[in-house]
């Protein structure tokens, strides 16, 4: 029996605010997105997996490197709803959106360390983005979370 959209839970997820030496943030363009939207790496937390472990696993899976150190972990879980039409195409209609624990990390590598042609590519393109530009580049349904993360981690940027 299918659960009504508004009654679905949020998918537990980790979000990655990866900051380079120039205080710019990694952003990728999703391979399956026809919008011009850019996003920070993120992904589901596996059963029994801790936040830090999920963060480094997702970073390696999505951008081919985990050459970074954690600066801070956001104290709260931040939620966003995915538009109904998209939510009905994802995760077997199980979730209405995501609840995310955001992790700020300092990147220690070079651009050559980043390889988005991973085993299961998620991004078609990537770049370092000025923090002031990031929210406007994101999908509209993610902007509030991005603004909260950027504001709460602004001392690291």
Protein backbone atom coordinates (compact mmCIF):
# COMPACT_ATOMS: atom_id res chain seq x y z
CA UNK A 1 0.00 0.00 0.00
CA UNK A 2 1.43 3.35 -1.04
CA UNK A 3 1.88 6.02 1.63
CA UNK A 4 0.50 9.49 0.88
CA UNK A 5 3.28 11.95 0.00
CA UNK A 6 2.72 14.21 3.03
CA UNK A 7 2.91 11.23 5.41
CA UNK A 8 6.14 9.81 4.02
CA UNK A 9 9.28 10.07 6.15
CA UNK A 10 12.49 11.85 5.23
CA UNK A 11 15.46 9.85 3.95
CA UNK A 12 18.49 10.12 6.30
CA UNK A 13 21.33 11.66 4.37
CA UNK A 14 24.69 13.34 4.79
CA UNK A 15 25.50 16.63 3.05
CA UNK A 16 29.08 17.66 2.26
CA UNK A 17 30.30 21.26 2.30
CA UNK A 18 33.77 20.78 0.81
CA UNK A 19 35.88 23.94 1.04
CA UNK A 20 39.12 24.46 -0.89
CA UNK A 21 42.14 26.63 -0.01
CA UNK A 22 40.49 29.64 -1.71
CA UNK A 23 37.37 29.20 0.48
CA UNK A 24 35.28 28.14 -2.50
CA UNK A 25 32.81 25.27 -2.30
CA UNK A 26 32.65 22.14 -4.45
CA UNK A 27 29.50 21.96 -6.58
CA UNK A 28 28.51 19.37 -9.13
CA UNK A 29 25.89 19.28 -11.83
CA UNK A 30 23.83 16.11 -11.49
CA UNK A 31 24.12 13.73 -14.41
CA UNK A 32 20.37 12.96 -14.29
CA UNK A 33 19.18 16.55 -13.95
CA UNK A 34 18.06 18.50 -16.97
CA UNK A 35 18.07 21.74 -14.99
CA UNK A 36 21.07 24.01 -14.78
CA UNK A 37 21.12 23.33 -11.03
CA UNK A 38 24.30 22.62 -9.10
CA UNK A 39 24.59 20.85 -5.78
CA UNK A 40 27.02 19.87 -3.09
CA UNK A 41 27.78 16.16 -2.69
CA UNK A 42 25.24 14.30 -0.60
CA UNK A 43 23.96 10.80 -0.12
CA UNK A 44 22.07 8.35 2.02
CA UNK A 45 23.35 7.06 5.31
CA UNK A 46 23.50 3.26 5.34
CA UNK A 47 21.98 1.32 8.24
CA UNK A 48 24.36 1.35 11.19
CA UNK A 49 26.68 3.88 9.53
CA UNK A 50 27.94 6.93 11.41
CA UNK A 51 27.85 10.47 10.03
CA UNK A 52 31.61 10.74 9.52
CA UNK A 53 31.86 7.35 7.83
CA UNK A 54 28.93 8.16 5.52
CA UNK A 55 30.49 11.53 4.70
CA UNK A 56 33.83 10.11 3.58
CA UNK A 57 32.19 7.18 1.75
CA UNK A 58 29.85 9.49 -0.18
CA UNK A 59 32.66 11.90 -1.02
CA UNK A 60 34.78 9.05 -2.41
CA UNK A 61 31.79 7.59 -4.32
CA UNK A 62 30.72 10.90 -5.84
CA UNK A 63 33.92 12.84 -6.46
CA UNK A 64 36.63 10.18 -6.35
CA UNK A 65 38.54 11.53 -3.37
CA UNK A 66 38.24 11.82 0.38
CA UNK A 67 41.35 13.98 0.83
CA UNK A 68 39.80 16.29 3.42
CA UNK A 69 39.40 16.79 7.14
CA UNK A 70 36.23 17.54 9.01
CA UNK A 71 35.96 21.07 10.34
CA UNK A 72 32.47 20.87 11.83
CA UNK A 73 29.25 18.87 11.83
CA UNK A 74 25.99 20.80 11.87
CA UNK A 75 24.21 20.26 15.19
CA UNK A 76 20.76 19.85 13.62
CA UNK A 77 19.17 17.67 10.98
CA UNK A 78 17.98 19.87 8.11
CA UNK A 79 15.03 18.77 5.99
CA UNK A 80 13.80 19.53 2.52
CA UNK A 81 10.83 18.25 0.57
CA UNK A 82 11.31 17.03 -2.96
CA UNK A 83 8.55 18.06 -5.40
CA UNK A 84 5.84 15.38 -5.52
CA UNK A 85 6.48 14.40 -9.13
CA UNK A 86 10.17 13.82 -8.49
CA UNK A 87 9.60 12.13 -5.12
CA UNK A 88 7.27 9.68 -6.84
CA UNK A 89 10.13 8.65 -9.17
CA UNK A 90 12.74 8.18 -6.43
CA UNK A 91 13.31 5.57 -3.75
CA UNK A 92 10.20 3.52 -4.67
CA UNK A 93 7.92 6.35 -3.45
CA UNK A 94 9.13 5.74 0.11
CA UNK A 95 10.27 9.27 1.06
CA UNK A 96 8.99 12.83 0.71
CA UNK A 97 12.44 14.36 0.90
CA UNK A 98 15.65 14.19 2.82
CA UNK A 99 16.80 14.95 6.34
CA UNK A 100 20.45 15.84 6.23
CA UNK A 101 23.32 16.07 8.65
CA UNK A 102 25.74 18.56 7.08
CA UNK A 103 29.50 18.22 7.41
CA UNK A 104 31.97 21.02 6.62
CA UNK A 105 35.35 19.78 5.41
CA UNK A 106 38.62 21.37 4.33
CA UNK A 107 39.88 19.90 1.05
CA UNK A 108 43.62 19.14 1.08
CA UNK A 109 44.05 17.86 -2.47
CA UNK A 110 44.32 19.45 -5.87
CA UNK A 111 41.81 19.61 -8.69
CA UNK A 112 43.56 16.59 -10.22
CA UNK A 113 42.40 14.51 -7.22
CA UNK A 114 38.77 15.06 -8.13
CA UNK A 115 37.36 12.48 -10.52
CA UNK A 116 33.61 12.56 -11.11
CA UNK A 117 33.87 9.59 -13.50
CA UNK A 118 33.31 7.21 -10.59
CA UNK A 119 31.87 3.69 -10.65
CA UNK A 120 28.35 5.14 -10.60
CA UNK A 121 28.74 8.77 -11.77
CA UNK A 122 26.41 11.32 -10.21
CA UNK A 123 27.83 14.50 -11.73
CA UNK A 124 28.35 15.50 -15.36
CA UNK A 125 30.41 18.56 -14.46
CA UNK A 126 31.92 20.22 -11.39
CA UNK A 127 33.46 23.48 -10.25
CA UNK A 128 34.50 25.50 -7.22
CA UNK A 129 31.83 28.08 -6.40
CA UNK A 130 31.91 31.31 -4.46
CA UNK A 131 29.77 30.77 -1.31
CA UNK A 132 27.67 33.84 -2.18
CA UNK A 133 26.66 32.24 -5.50
CA UNK A 134 25.90 28.71 -4.36
CA UNK A 135 22.26 29.05 -3.25
CA UNK A 136 21.20 30.73 -6.48
CA UNK A 137 22.72 27.85 -8.48
CA UNK A 138 20.92 25.14 -6.49
CA UNK A 139 17.57 23.53 -7.25
CA UNK A 140 14.83 25.73 -5.73
CA UNK A 141 13.72 23.05 -3.25
CA UNK A 142 17.26 22.87 -1.78
CA UNK A 143 17.91 26.61 -1.45
CA UNK A 144 16.65 27.09 2.12
CA UNK A 145 18.83 24.27 3.41
CA UNK A 146 21.83 25.60 1.47
CA UNK A 147 21.31 29.09 2.90
CA UNK A 148 21.10 27.68 6.44
CA UNK A 149 24.26 25.61 5.96
CA UNK A 150 26.19 28.52 4.45
CA UNK A 151 25.08 30.87 7.22
CA UNK A 152 25.81 28.42 10.03
CA UNK A 153 29.25 27.52 8.62
CA UNK A 154 30.19 31.04 7.47
CA UNK A 155 33.08 31.28 9.95
CA UNK A 156 34.88 28.58 7.91
CA UNK A 157 34.44 30.33 4.56
